[in-house]
Amino acid sequence: MAQLRRGELQAIVLRGVYSEPQMAVTVDRLQRHDPPFLKTWFPEAFRAWFYGRNINLADVDLAGYFDEAAVFNAQLTTLLAHGPDLASRVGCVLAALDNGRPHTAAPGPLPGQHYMFTTLRAHVEHGYIPAHFDNEMRLRPAYRHLASLVDEQITSFVLTLSPGDGGGALEVFDLCCPTQHAQLLSDDRVPRPALDGLASVRFRLPPGAMIVLDSGRYLHRVTRVVGRRTRWTACSFM
């Protein structure tokens, strides 16, 4: 993780965080909406939804968010029928890469409050996420409190629960934007990076594998999902 922060690595891929049979059982539960997680939505064009609430799409004042987070985090501990729960397992794996530094949900503004540890993301056929830098997220008003607690540089993890039938790859482009130059690419006044001719690497990981990515500085996207099977991931910023 120190190498990632210094820019010596752009990504770390870990296999076997969970077994494929564990992920198959988990995805079956998610398809049945068990546990009954809070369900929220990406913009309609992305053909996707969350279990949990993405701060990027939350109300500016986070009204009700921490009550939702308490329920969501408790439900998350029950999702996996066997073995360590998702927050404990992923947190321990990340800590092992980071000289024992704890990786946990960030505290909220009041005692006892915590942010959601992750969100569970479902992309159906033709679902995608356009090219973006994650560092732009910290510029959004809903991040005001969180930004006061953490380093400016955003990294992220993506744990594959189900990759879907085809497509749905995490594509990372050879285009780096320094943290201090972050812009909101969703703002129509900001020119979009030209993707034509950019070198890229596509990651399409099997169930139970995870990538940790320098997603704040490197342009990336999720390519369109192919086929009827839903692409399920657990994803969070750090």
Protein backbone atom coordinates (compact mmCIF):
# COMPACT_ATOMS: atom_id res chain seq x y z
CA MET A 1 0.00 0.00 0.00
CA ALA A 2 2.91 2.36 0.65
CA GLN A 3 4.17 1.67 -2.89
CA LEU A 4 0.68 2.39 -4.23
CA ARG A 5 0.56 5.72 -2.40
CA ARG A 6 4.00 6.67 -3.72
CA GLY A 7 2.92 5.88 -7.28
CA GLU A 8 5.34 2.97 -7.68
CA LEU A 9 2.38 0.65 -8.25
CA GLN A 10 -0.92 1.46 -9.91
CA ALA A 11 -2.86 -1.62 -8.77
CA ILE A 12 -2.66 -4.70 -6.57
CA VAL A 13 -4.61 -7.84 -7.53
CA LEU A 14 -5.49 -10.40 -4.86
CA ARG A 15 -6.99 -13.78 -5.65
CA GLY A 16 -8.82 -16.06 -3.25
CA VAL A 17 -10.07 -13.36 -0.88
CA TYR A 18 -13.17 -15.56 -0.93
CA SER A 19 -13.78 -18.87 -2.69
CA GLU A 20 -15.98 -19.06 -5.77
CA PRO A 21 -18.54 -21.29 -3.98
CA GLN A 22 -18.80 -18.68 -1.19
CA MET A 23 -19.45 -15.99 -3.77
CA ALA A 24 -22.07 -18.11 -5.58
CA VAL A 25 -24.06 -18.50 -2.35
CA THR A 26 -23.66 -14.78 -1.60
CA VAL A 27 -24.84 -13.70 -5.05
CA ASP A 28 -27.87 -15.97 -4.74
CA ARG A 29 -28.81 -14.15 -1.54
CA LEU A 30 -28.27 -10.75 -3.15
CA GLN A 31 -30.50 -11.71 -6.07
CA ARG A 32 -33.22 -12.53 -3.52
CA HIS A 33 -32.55 -9.21 -1.70
CA ASP A 34 -31.56 -11.12 1.43
CA PRO A 35 -30.71 -9.33 3.70
CA PRO A 36 -33.15 -6.53 2.78
CA PHE A 37 -30.44 -3.90 2.19
CA LEU A 38 -31.29 -0.30 1.38
CA LYS A 39 -31.53 -0.09 -2.44
CA THR A 40 -30.43 3.07 -4.26
CA TRP A 41 -29.73 3.85 -7.90
CA PHE A 42 -27.04 4.94 -10.30
CA PRO A 43 -28.17 7.41 -12.98
CA GLU A 44 -30.64 5.56 -15.23
CA ALA A 45 -28.31 5.36 -18.22
CA PHE A 46 -25.82 3.26 -16.24
CA ARG A 47 -28.35 0.40 -15.83
CA ALA A 48 -27.21 -0.29 -12.29
CA TRP A 49 -28.10 0.02 -8.64
CA PHE A 50 -26.53 -0.18 -5.20
CA TYR A 51 -27.29 -1.96 -2.01
CA GLY A 52 -26.25 0.81 0.35
CA ARG A 53 -25.83 4.49 -0.49
CA ASN A 54 -22.99 5.99 -2.49
CA ILE A 55 -21.97 9.29 -0.88
CA ASN A 56 -21.27 10.60 -4.38
CA LEU A 57 -25.04 10.41 -5.02
CA ALA A 58 -26.26 11.30 -1.50
CA ASP A 59 -27.91 14.49 -0.26
CA VAL A 60 -25.45 17.29 0.39
CA ASP A 61 -26.23 17.31 4.13
CA LEU A 62 -26.24 13.46 4.38
CA ALA A 63 -29.69 13.66 5.99
CA GLY A 64 -30.57 10.24 7.40
CA TYR A 65 -27.37 8.68 6.02
CA PHE A 66 -25.87 7.58 9.33
CA ASP A 67 -29.11 5.92 10.45
CA GLU A 68 -29.08 4.04 7.14
CA ALA A 69 -25.41 3.20 7.62
CA ALA A 70 -25.98 1.65 11.04
CA VAL A 71 -28.58 -0.71 9.59
CA PHE A 72 -26.54 -1.45 6.46
CA ASN A 73 -23.32 -2.22 8.34
CA ALA A 74 -25.21 -4.57 10.68
CA GLN A 75 -26.86 -6.37 7.76
CA LEU A 76 -23.50 -6.67 6.01
CA THR A 77 -22.17 -8.80 8.87
CA THR A 78 -24.87 -11.41 8.10
CA LEU A 79 -24.40 -11.59 4.32
CA LEU A 80 -21.83 -14.39 4.21
CA ALA A 81 -23.17 -17.59 5.71
CA HIS A 82 -19.73 -19.11 6.39
CA GLY A 83 -16.39 -17.51 7.23
CA PRO A 84 -15.55 -13.93 8.23
CA ASP A 85 -17.99 -11.17 7.28
CA LEU A 86 -17.10 -8.92 4.37
CA ALA A 87 -15.93 -5.88 6.34
CA SER A 88 -13.73 -8.01 8.62
CA ARG A 89 -12.23 -10.08 5.80
CA VAL A 90 -11.55 -7.19 3.42
CA GLY A 91 -10.31 -5.01 6.29
CA CYS A 92 -7.86 -7.68 7.42
CA VAL A 93 -6.57 -8.26 3.88
CA LEU A 94 -6.00 -4.54 3.36
CA ALA A 95 -4.33 -4.21 6.77
CA ALA A 96 -1.99 -7.08 5.89
CA LEU A 97 -0.87 -5.12 2.81
CA ASP A 98 -0.45 -1.96 4.89
CA ASN A 99 1.88 -2.90 7.76
CA GLY A 100 -1.09 -3.58 10.03
CA ARG A 101 -2.79 -0.19 9.59
CA PRO A 102 -6.50 -0.74 10.33
CA HIS A 103 -8.93 -0.42 7.41
CA THR A 104 -12.40 0.27 8.81
CA ALA A 105 -15.45 2.40 8.14
CA ALA A 106 -14.69 6.05 8.81
CA PRO A 107 -16.35 7.70 11.86
CA GLY A 108 -19.25 10.07 11.35
CA PRO A 109 -19.56 13.58 12.84
CA LEU A 110 -21.28 12.38 16.04
CA PRO A 111 -20.10 9.74 18.56
CA GLY A 112 -21.09 6.23 17.53
CA GLN A 113 -21.70 7.12 13.89
CA HIS A 114 -19.85 5.41 11.04
CA TYR A 115 -19.95 5.60 7.29
CA MET A 116 -20.90 2.49 5.31
CA PHE A 117 -17.93 0.19 4.93
CA THR A 118 -18.74 -0.44 1.27
CA THR A 119 -21.58 -0.56 -1.22
CA LEU A 120 -22.73 -3.61 -3.18
CA ARG A 121 -23.10 -2.75 -6.85
CA ALA A 122 -25.24 -4.49 -9.47
CA HIS A 123 -24.86 -3.82 -13.19
CA VAL A 124 -27.31 -5.53 -15.54
CA GLU A 125 -26.98 -6.08 -19.30
CA HIS A 126 -25.50 -2.99 -21.04
CA GLY A 127 -24.65 -1.45 -17.66
CA TYR A 128 -21.45 0.58 -17.45
CA ILE A 129 -19.65 3.46 -15.69
CA PRO A 130 -18.06 6.19 -17.85
CA ALA A 131 -14.40 7.17 -17.59
CA HIS A 132 -13.56 9.21 -14.49
CA PHE A 133 -10.96 9.94 -11.81
CA ASP A 134 -12.09 9.14 -8.25
CA ASN A 135 -10.30 12.18 -6.82
CA GLU A 136 -13.10 14.30 -8.29
CA MET A 137 -15.48 12.74 -5.74
CA ARG A 138 -13.84 14.56 -2.82
CA LEU A 139 -14.82 17.85 -4.46
CA ARG A 140 -18.53 17.08 -4.09
CA PRO A 141 -20.35 18.80 -1.19
CA ALA A 142 -21.53 15.52 0.39
CA TYR A 143 -17.85 14.66 1.06
CA ARG A 144 -17.25 17.80 3.13
CA HIS A 145 -17.09 16.03 6.50
CA LEU A 146 -15.24 12.97 5.22
CA ALA A 147 -12.69 15.14 3.44
CA SER A 148 -11.80 16.74 6.79
CA LEU A 149 -10.73 13.32 8.13
CA VAL A 150 -8.73 11.68 5.35
CA ASP A 151 -5.84 12.21 2.99
CA GLU A 152 -6.65 13.90 -0.31
CA GLN A 153 -5.48 10.96 -2.43
CA ILE A 154 -8.28 8.43 -3.02
CA THR A 155 -7.67 4.75 -3.64
CA SER A 156 -10.32 2.07 -3.91
CA PHE A 157 -10.96 -1.64 -3.74
CA VAL A 158 -13.30 -3.68 -5.93
CA LEU A 159 -14.18 -7.21 -4.82
CA THR A 160 -15.78 -9.34 -7.53
CA LEU A 161 -18.83 -11.26 -6.36
CA SER A 162 -19.95 -12.18 -9.89
CA PRO A 163 -18.31 -10.89 -13.10
CA GLY A 164 -21.44 -11.52 -15.21
CA ASP A 165 -21.40 -13.35 -18.52
CA GLY A 166 -19.12 -10.94 -20.36
CA GLY A 167 -17.90 -7.37 -20.53
CA GLY A 168 -18.05 -5.42 -17.29
CA ALA A 169 -14.27 -5.06 -17.15
CA LEU A 170 -12.52 -2.45 -15.03
CA GLU A 171 -10.52 -0.61 -17.68
CA VAL A 172 -7.64 1.56 -16.42
CA PHE A 173 -6.09 4.06 -18.83
CA ASP A 174 -2.50 5.25 -18.95
CA LEU A 175 -3.55 8.77 -18.01
CA CYS A 176 -2.65 10.15 -14.59
CA CYS A 177 -4.13 13.32 -13.09
CA PRO A 178 -2.29 14.81 -10.09
CA THR A 179 -4.48 15.05 -7.00
CA GLN A 180 -4.38 18.83 -6.94
CA HIS A 181 -5.70 18.98 -10.53
CA ALA A 182 -8.90 17.03 -9.81
CA GLN A 183 -11.97 18.31 -11.65
CA LEU A 184 -15.58 17.22 -11.79
CA LEU A 185 -15.75 15.42 -15.13
CA SER A 186 -19.54 15.34 -14.83
CA ASP A 187 -19.48 19.14 -15.17
CA ASP A 188 -20.24 19.92 -18.83
CA ARG A 189 -17.87 22.89 -18.64
CA VAL A 190 -14.91 20.53 -18.14
CA PRO A 191 -13.52 18.90 -21.33
CA ARG A 192 -13.57 15.09 -21.31
CA PRO A 193 -10.26 13.27 -21.73
CA ALA A 194 -9.89 11.79 -25.21
CA LEU A 195 -9.77 8.00 -24.90
CA ASP A 196 -8.76 7.24 -28.49
CA GLY A 197 -5.15 6.13 -28.63
CA LEU A 198 -4.74 5.84 -24.84
CA ALA A 199 -3.12 2.61 -23.70
CA SER A 200 -5.19 0.72 -21.15
CA VAL A 201 -5.40 -2.50 -19.15
CA ARG A 202 -8.68 -4.35 -18.57
CA PHE A 203 -9.24 -6.32 -15.38
CA ARG A 204 -12.04 -8.90 -15.35
CA LEU A 205 -11.50 -10.80 -12.14
CA PRO A 206 -13.12 -14.09 -11.10
CA PRO A 207 -15.50 -14.37 -8.13
CA GLY A 208 -13.69 -13.85 -4.83
CA ALA A 209 -10.80 -11.85 -6.31
CA MET A 210 -10.14 -8.20 -5.49
CA ILE A 211 -8.24 -5.28 -6.98
CA VAL A 212 -6.87 -2.31 -5.03
CA LEU A 213 -6.44 0.60 -7.42
CA ASP A 214 -4.91 4.06 -7.56
CA SER A 215 -8.32 5.12 -8.82
CA GLY A 216 -8.01 8.72 -7.68
CA ARG A 217 -5.26 9.62 -10.10
CA TYR A 218 -5.75 7.12 -12.95
CA LEU A 219 -8.59 7.44 -15.44
CA HIS A 220 -10.79 4.34 -15.41
CA ARG A 221 -14.22 3.05 -16.35
CA VAL A 222 -16.39 -0.07 -16.31
CA THR A 223 -17.06 -1.40 -19.81
CA ARG A 224 -20.58 -2.43 -20.81
CA VAL A 225 -21.87 -5.67 -19.33
CA VAL A 226 -22.70 -8.38 -21.87
CA GLY A 227 -25.32 -11.07 -21.20
CA ARG A 228 -28.18 -11.48 -18.79
CA ARG A 229 -26.24 -12.39 -15.68
CA THR A 230 -25.78 -9.43 -13.30
CA ARG A 231 -22.29 -8.14 -12.53
CA TRP A 232 -22.00 -7.88 -8.72
CA THR A 233 -19.14 -6.16 -6.90
CA ALA A 234 -18.36 -4.70 -3.49
CA CYS A 235 -16.59 -1.38 -3.98
CA SER A 236 -15.40 1.39 -1.69
CA PHE A 237 -13.17 4.44 -1.69
CA MET A 238 -10.32 4.76 0.81
